[in-house]
Each structure stands twice: as C-alpha cells, then as structure tokens.
Protein backbone atom coordinates (compact mmCIF):
# COMPACT_ATOMS: atom_id res chain seq x y z
CA UNK A 1 21.27 117.58 154.21
CA UNK A 2 21.03 114.12 155.32
CA UNK A 3 19.14 111.61 153.03
CA UNK A 4 16.35 111.06 155.41
CA UNK A 5 14.75 114.26 155.35
CA UNK A 6 15.28 115.46 151.77
CA UNK A 7 12.09 115.83 150.97
CA UNK A 8 9.03 115.24 153.57
CA UNK A 9 6.65 115.50 150.72
CA UNK A 10 7.24 111.74 150.08
CA UNK A 11 6.10 111.13 153.54
CA UNK A 12 2.89 110.82 154.62
CA UNK A 13 2.36 113.79 156.89
CA UNK A 14 -0.91 113.91 158.77
CA UNK A 15 -3.15 116.86 158.64
CA UNK A 16 -3.36 117.41 162.01
CA UNK A 17 0.80 117.17 162.75
CA UNK A 18 0.24 117.91 166.55
CA UNK A 19 -2.24 115.28 167.46
CA UNK A 20 -0.57 112.87 165.63
CA UNK A 21 2.67 113.87 167.57
CA UNK A 22 0.83 113.64 170.87
CA UNK A 23 -0.91 110.27 169.90
CA UNK A 24 2.56 108.76 169.15
CA UNK A 25 3.88 110.32 172.16
CA UNK A 26 1.87 108.13 174.25
CA UNK A 27 2.04 105.00 172.15
CA UNK A 28 5.91 105.15 172.45
CA UNK A 29 5.53 106.32 176.15
CA UNK A 30 7.82 108.99 174.90
CA UNK A 31 9.12 112.46 176.52
CA UNK A 32 9.40 115.14 174.06
CA UNK A 33 12.39 118.17 175.07
CA UNK A 34 12.93 120.89 173.69
CA UNK A 35 15.42 124.13 173.62
CA UNK A 36 14.18 127.75 174.01
CA UNK A 37 15.83 128.51 170.82
CA UNK A 38 13.48 125.81 168.79
CA UNK A 39 10.34 127.31 166.93
CA UNK A 40 7.26 128.03 169.14
CA UNK A 41 5.11 125.40 167.93
CA UNK A 42 8.01 122.87 168.57
CA UNK A 43 8.31 124.43 171.92
CA UNK A 44 4.43 124.29 172.71
CA UNK A 45 3.94 120.53 172.01
CA UNK A 46 7.00 119.67 174.43
CA UNK A 47 6.51 118.24 177.94
CA UNK A 48 9.55 120.10 178.64
CA UNK A 49 11.66 123.46 177.49
CA UNK A 50 14.97 124.35 178.97
CA UNK A 51 18.61 125.53 178.41
CA UNK A 52 21.11 123.21 178.01
CA UNK A 53 21.71 122.54 181.93
CA UNK A 54 17.92 122.03 182.57
CA UNK A 55 17.69 119.58 179.79
CA UNK A 56 20.58 117.71 180.79
CA UNK A 57 18.75 117.23 184.35
CA UNK A 58 15.55 116.50 182.59
CA UNK A 59 17.21 113.98 180.72
CA UNK A 60 18.88 112.53 183.52
CA UNK A 61 15.72 112.27 185.44
CA UNK A 62 13.49 111.16 182.29
CA UNK A 63 11.09 108.80 183.35
CA UNK A 64 10.19 107.23 179.61
CA UNK A 65 10.87 105.07 177.16
CA UNK A 66 11.95 107.15 174.29
CA UNK A 67 13.59 110.73 174.23
CA UNK A 68 12.56 112.73 171.61
CA UNK A 69 15.48 115.63 171.45
CA UNK A 70 14.39 118.50 169.59
CA UNK A 71 17.59 120.91 170.07
CA UNK A 72 20.92 120.18 168.55
CA UNK A 73 23.15 117.07 168.42
CA UNK A 74 25.32 117.53 171.50
CA UNK A 75 22.36 117.91 173.63
CA UNK A 76 21.08 114.66 172.45
CA UNK A 77 24.40 112.92 172.89
CA UNK A 78 24.10 114.34 176.66
CA UNK A 79 20.70 112.78 177.08
CA UNK A 80 21.89 109.18 175.02
CA UNK A 81 25.04 109.39 177.69
CA UNK A 82 22.94 109.74 180.93
CA UNK A 83 20.06 107.42 179.16
CA UNK A 84 22.15 104.67 177.42
CA UNK A 85 19.47 101.94 177.37
CA UNK A 86 16.73 104.47 175.92
CA UNK A 87 16.42 105.36 172.38
CA UNK A 88 17.41 108.89 171.70
CA UNK A 89 15.69 110.26 168.28
CA UNK A 90 16.35 113.61 167.13
CA UNK A 91 14.08 115.53 164.26
CA UNK A 92 17.38 116.21 162.21
CA UNK A 93 20.31 114.58 162.09
CA UNK A 94 21.86 117.38 160.73
CA UNK A 95 21.12 119.76 163.49
CA UNK A 96 24.96 120.45 164.93
CA UNK A 97 26.44 123.50 166.22
CA UNK A 98 29.27 125.89 165.18
CA UNK A 99 30.95 125.18 168.86
CA UNK A 100 31.09 121.50 169.01
CA UNK A 101 32.00 121.24 165.30
CA UNK A 102 34.67 124.14 165.88
CA UNK A 103 36.49 121.89 168.39
CA UNK A 104 37.33 118.45 166.55
CA UNK A 105 38.63 115.87 169.24
CA UNK A 106 42.04 114.63 167.68
CA UNK A 107 42.55 118.42 167.73
CA UNK A 108 41.29 119.01 170.88
CA UNK A 109 43.50 116.16 172.22
CA UNK A 110 46.94 117.44 171.22
CA UNK A 111 45.54 120.76 172.66
CA UNK A 112 45.00 119.13 175.97
CA UNK A 113 48.83 117.28 175.76
CA UNK A 114 50.63 120.61 175.42
CA UNK A 115 49.29 121.58 178.59
CA UNK A 116 49.98 118.47 181.24
CA UNK A 117 48.42 118.41 184.60
CA UNK A 118 45.71 121.21 183.64
CA UNK A 119 42.14 120.54 184.75
CA UNK A 120 39.95 119.92 181.60
CA UNK A 121 36.85 122.02 181.92
CA UNK A 122 34.59 121.75 178.79
CA UNK A 123 31.33 123.57 177.80
CA UNK A 124 27.95 121.27 177.47
CA UNK A 125 28.48 122.94 173.48
CA UNK A 126 30.94 120.03 172.83
CA UNK A 127 31.03 116.53 171.20
CA UNK A 128 30.78 113.40 173.33
CA UNK A 129 34.36 112.53 172.31
CA UNK A 130 35.22 115.82 173.69
CA UNK A 131 33.52 115.30 176.71
CA UNK A 132 35.13 111.93 177.74
CA UNK A 133 38.13 114.09 177.70
CA UNK A 134 37.26 116.47 180.06
CA UNK A 135 36.93 116.44 183.76
CA UNK A 136 34.03 118.30 184.28
CA UNK A 137 31.13 119.76 182.45
CA UNK A 138 29.50 123.37 182.69
CA UNK A 139 26.98 125.40 181.10
CA UNK A 140 26.90 129.26 180.87
CA UNK A 141 24.50 128.79 183.97
CA UNK A 142 26.74 127.60 186.21
CA UNK A 143 30.81 128.04 184.73
CA UNK A 144 31.75 130.29 187.07
CA UNK A 145 30.74 127.77 189.83
CA UNK A 146 32.42 124.94 187.93
CA UNK A 147 35.41 127.48 187.23
CA UNK A 148 36.09 127.56 191.17
CA UNK A 149 35.79 124.01 191.59
CA UNK A 150 39.10 124.05 190.50
CA UNK A 151 40.49 126.87 192.36
CA UNK A 152 44.12 126.99 192.53
CA UNK A 153 45.03 124.40 189.61
CA UNK A 154 45.43 125.16 186.02
CA UNK A 155 42.83 125.13 183.88
CA UNK A 156 41.68 123.96 179.99
CA UNK A 157 38.46 126.04 179.22
CA UNK A 158 36.78 125.08 175.90
CA UNK A 159 35.22 125.44 173.36
CA UNK A 160 33.91 129.22 173.34
CA UNK A 161 36.34 132.15 174.08
CA UNK A 162 33.82 134.65 174.74
CA UNK A 163 32.30 132.40 177.75
CA UNK A 164 35.94 131.35 178.98
CA UNK A 165 36.90 135.48 179.02
CA UNK A 166 33.35 136.51 180.86
CA UNK A 167 33.69 133.44 183.06
CA UNK A 168 37.20 134.05 183.62
CA UNK A 169 36.42 138.16 184.77
CA UNK A 170 33.52 136.63 186.93
CA UNK A 171 35.99 133.83 189.04
CA UNK A 172 39.01 136.45 188.48
CA UNK A 173 40.97 133.74 186.89
CA UNK A 174 42.79 135.58 183.89
CA UNK A 175 45.21 132.49 183.48
CA UNK A 176 42.60 130.03 181.69
CA UNK A 177 44.09 128.24 179.23
CA UNK A 178 41.43 128.57 176.46
CA UNK A 179 40.61 126.76 173.17
CA UNK A 180 39.75 129.38 170.93
CA UNK A 181 35.73 128.48 169.69
CA UNK A 182 33.02 130.92 169.28
CA UNK A 183 29.45 130.43 168.52
CA UNK A 184 27.87 131.46 165.04
CA UNK A 185 24.69 133.10 166.13
CA UNK A 186 26.32 135.13 169.51
CA UNK A 187 29.50 136.00 167.81
CA UNK A 188 27.34 137.72 164.82
CA UNK A 189 25.86 140.46 167.36
CA UNK A 190 26.57 143.96 166.12
CA UNK A 191 28.36 146.63 169.06
CA UNK A 192 27.56 149.28 166.48
CA UNK A 193 24.23 148.13 165.74
CA UNK A 194 23.42 147.46 169.55
CA UNK A 195 24.72 151.04 170.05
CA UNK A 196 22.40 152.56 167.84
CA UNK A 197 19.23 150.52 168.76
CA UNK A 198 19.80 151.96 172.32
CA UNK A 199 19.49 155.36 170.89
CA UNK A 200 16.44 154.35 169.70
CA UNK A 201 14.95 152.73 172.98
CA UNK A 202 16.75 154.50 175.67
CA UNK A 203 14.59 153.25 178.23
CA UNK A 204 15.10 149.61 177.49
CA UNK A 205 17.36 146.84 179.61
CA UNK A 206 19.64 145.57 177.42
CA UNK A 207 20.16 141.24 178.66
CA UNK A 208 23.00 139.44 176.62
CA UNK A 209 24.52 135.85 177.04
CA UNK A 210 27.87 135.52 177.41
CA UNK A 211 28.81 134.10 174.30
CA UNK A 212 28.42 137.31 172.74
CA UNK A 213 31.56 139.42 171.84
CA UNK A 214 33.14 141.99 174.86
CA UNK A 215 32.09 144.84 172.77
CA UNK A 216 28.45 143.71 173.30
CA UNK A 217 28.64 142.64 176.71
CA UNK A 218 30.31 145.85 177.51
CA UNK A 219 26.57 147.67 176.75
CA UNK A 220 24.67 144.74 178.64
CA UNK A 221 22.76 145.62 181.82
CA UNK A 222 22.36 142.11 182.52
CA UNK A 223 24.46 139.20 181.52
CA UNK A 224 23.31 135.45 182.15
CA UNK A 225 22.37 132.22 180.66
CA UNK A 226 19.88 131.68 178.39
CA UNK A 227 17.32 130.63 181.12
CA UNK A 228 18.25 134.09 183.44
CA UNK A 229 17.64 136.06 180.60
CA UNK A 230 14.45 134.51 180.46
CA UNK A 231 13.63 134.95 183.98
CA UNK A 232 15.31 138.41 184.10
CA UNK A 233 12.99 139.86 180.86
CA UNK A 234 9.87 138.78 182.81
CA UNK A 235 10.73 139.84 186.21
CA UNK A 236 11.80 143.55 185.32
CA UNK A 237 9.76 146.49 185.69
CA UNK A 238 10.95 147.67 182.33
CA UNK A 239 8.42 147.44 179.78
CA UNK A 240 11.08 147.26 176.67
CA UNK A 241 14.08 144.75 176.85
CA UNK A 242 16.76 144.25 174.30
CA UNK A 243 18.03 140.85 174.20
CA UNK A 244 21.21 139.90 172.81
CA UNK A 245 20.48 135.81 172.06
CA UNK A 246 18.63 133.81 169.78
CA UNK A 247 15.13 134.96 169.33
CA UNK A 248 13.53 132.03 170.09
CA UNK A 249 13.53 132.99 173.80
CA UNK A 250 11.27 135.39 172.99
CA UNK A 251 8.57 132.84 173.04
CA UNK A 252 9.14 132.14 176.47
CA UNK A 253 9.13 135.32 177.84
CA UNK A 254 5.99 136.41 175.36
CA UNK A 255 3.90 133.71 177.32
CA UNK A 256 4.64 135.07 180.91
CA UNK A 257 4.51 138.75 180.07
CA UNK A 258 2.21 139.53 176.59
CA UNK A 259 2.66 143.23 176.86
CA UNK A 260 6.35 143.15 177.12
CA UNK A 261 8.27 145.13 173.96
CA UNK A 262 11.44 142.55 173.03
CA UNK A 263 14.12 143.57 170.46
CA UNK A 264 16.83 141.40 168.94
CA UNK A 265 20.18 142.84 169.12
CA UNK A 266 20.76 143.76 165.55
CA UNK A 267 23.05 141.46 163.68
CA UNK A 268 26.49 142.53 161.60
CA UNK A 269 24.38 141.53 158.39
CA UNK A 270 21.07 143.74 158.81
CA UNK A 271 19.82 141.75 155.60
CA UNK A 272 19.56 138.27 157.10
CA UNK A 273 18.34 136.58 160.24
CA UNK A 274 21.52 135.67 160.83
CA UNK A 275 20.99 135.83 164.50
CA UNK A 276 18.91 132.66 164.44
CA UNK A 277 20.45 129.25 164.83
CA UNK A 278 20.31 127.76 161.39
CA UNK A 279 21.20 124.09 162.94
CA UNK A 280 18.04 124.52 165.57
CA UNK A 281 15.65 125.86 163.06
CA UNK A 282 16.13 122.61 161.38
CA UNK A 283 14.10 120.94 163.81
CA UNK A 284 10.45 120.99 162.64
CA UNK A 285 7.06 119.18 163.45
CA UNK A 286 6.69 117.44 160.59
CA UNK A 287 10.47 115.82 161.37
CA UNK A 288 9.63 115.41 165.07
CA UNK A 289 6.47 113.37 164.03
CA UNK A 290 8.92 111.13 161.72
CA UNK A 291 11.02 110.40 164.22
CA UNK A 292 8.57 109.21 166.69
CA UNK A 293 6.95 107.58 164.22
CA UNK A 294 10.09 105.61 162.51
CA UNK A 295 12.08 105.87 165.94
CA UNK A 296 14.59 107.10 163.81
CA UNK A 297 17.39 109.03 163.26
CA UNK A 298 18.23 108.04 166.73
CA UNK A 299 21.69 109.56 168.25
CA UNK A 300 24.63 106.73 169.26
CA UNK A 301 27.71 107.03 171.50
CA UNK A 302 29.98 104.27 171.84
CA UNK A 303 30.54 102.69 174.77
CA UNK A 304 33.61 103.70 175.89
CA UNK A 305 33.01 107.12 175.05
CA UNK A 306 29.86 107.23 176.86
CA UNK A 307 31.02 105.70 180.06
CA UNK A 308 33.95 108.46 180.20
CA UNK A 309 31.77 111.26 179.36
CA UNK A 310 29.47 110.30 181.90
CA UNK A 311 31.63 111.25 184.61
CA UNK A 312 32.45 114.70 183.98
CA UNK A 313 28.56 115.21 183.29
CA UNK A 314 27.13 113.37 186.52
CA UNK A 315 29.82 115.56 188.66
CA UNK A 316 28.79 118.69 186.82
CA UNK A 317 24.95 117.66 187.68
CA UNK A 318 26.07 116.67 191.44
CA UNK A 319 27.81 120.36 192.01
CA UNK A 320 24.80 121.79 190.24
C-alpha cells in the first residue's frame, strides 16, 4: 500500500464528503472520470462513467484543467498520454491491473522480437511502455474491428488470452500470436457454479464478458464489453439476468431498470467476493477528495514513451 494512503484517519476528511468533492471540482475546474467497476458512490459523483473505450474518448475530449481518474492505473496513464499538459490525479496509486502487471515491458519486448514483421495489437489493459511498442490499441468493445484492420497480416495480441481466443473466433483468425495473460477477476468465474445457477433460474439470460474462460462463455446467451452487457441487461425483456463480469455494473443497470433482478455468476471460491476487482475497489470518496485537494498522487508518463504510445491510441480512437 502506498505511504500516502496508509492512514486516512490522520487526514482532515469533511463530514459532507460529496459536497466537499463537488466544491473542489469546481475550484480546480476538474472532471471526474469513473469506470463502471467503481463503488456506486464513486460512480454517482463522477461527471462521466464508462468502460475503457468510452473513458479514453472522454479523456481525449476533456475540457478541464484537471482530470481525476477513478479507475485503475493503466486507464489514468491513457488519460495522461492524451493530455500531457493536464494533471491527472488518481485516488489510489496502488489501483493496478493483473493484466497490465502480468505483461512486463521488458518481457513483452523480447516476445515481440521473436515475431519480426508481426503487427502488435494491444488490449488497452496494458502499461504505457507496452502501448508504446504497439501498432494499434483495442478495447473489448472494438477488438474484432481492430483485428480486421490488419487483415492478411500476422498479429501479436496481448495481454489477455481469453479475449484473444474470443476475438480470433469472431474475426476468423486462428493464427493470432497470443501473450498468455488473464484478468484475475474474469478468470475466476466458475463454469460449474454458473451451470447450477442457470438451473435455479432457467428463464434468466446469461451475459458474459469476453475476458471469461471459454467454459463460461459457452453458457452465455450474450457476450460483450462492459458497456454492451449493461445495454443488453437494460434492454432485454427478460426480468432476470445472470452477469459474468465485475458487479460494479449492477449499479448502472439498476439505475435504469430498478425492477431488474441481477445475479453475479459464481466464482470458484464461494467464500469470498473474488469477482470484485480488488484494485478498482481501492478508490474511495475520501481518497478522491484528498487527490483533488492536494492534486496528488499524479500519474506521469515519460515523454518518449508517451509520444510513442499516443500513436496507436489515437489510431484506435480514429478507427472507433
């Protein structure tokens, strides 16, 4: 845990934390961006809530002096890459990502060197250093389209092997060169537990994120990005949905359709909330307040890396 946030009890936290955040936001002329996997109170105070693609687009178009990013580190890095002259603060610098952490830049460079001539298509869940080695970035919402952009060419896909398998099938590309990473949340959904839950709720529609294991996806009625799952859950006539992604999405769904009954697909360990992202949940209103008050911690990206990473990110945004 970072030294900055080891003991919030020693910090002067206002009683009305939400009012204090709004006041600081106006004072700093800041915009608060939040991912769908954040706690509900963080989502509610944000100016914009979205998935990785939508947040990148929002960061690109941000009309503000300060960006407060409530998500994980690679997302804030993307915002900084797109806004080099604006402070990008995060509530907790320890909010990382198993996919990004599982693809170290030096090891990935060796992997790329082993496949000369291959185009590098990198899932946005990666560090700035890995993005800087890429020809194009993708998200789960546009990954198939980005693969098709390199039709007829060899493609390295990193870092999520489950998304790569799904995208390869959808794009009819069985030849993707895949970095063998995985999301610690989505990989832990239990196919056996899901099968039992489906028996208990035979009329439920199963919605799954493509980062899930194939045995889970085989049981899904609908597979999509986070935004796609939310949209489907809201629009489907089925009253009950079983959802195989982080349950932070429940808040957005229930705000739009309060009568919907939602179940999260079970994890392999039923004794813990393992399917909640431990990194996303590090961000709190108290930490957000301190980040806006102190303009710290700030995410920084070294200029040579930022300039290189900007090219594939902007290419993705233009193609999207």
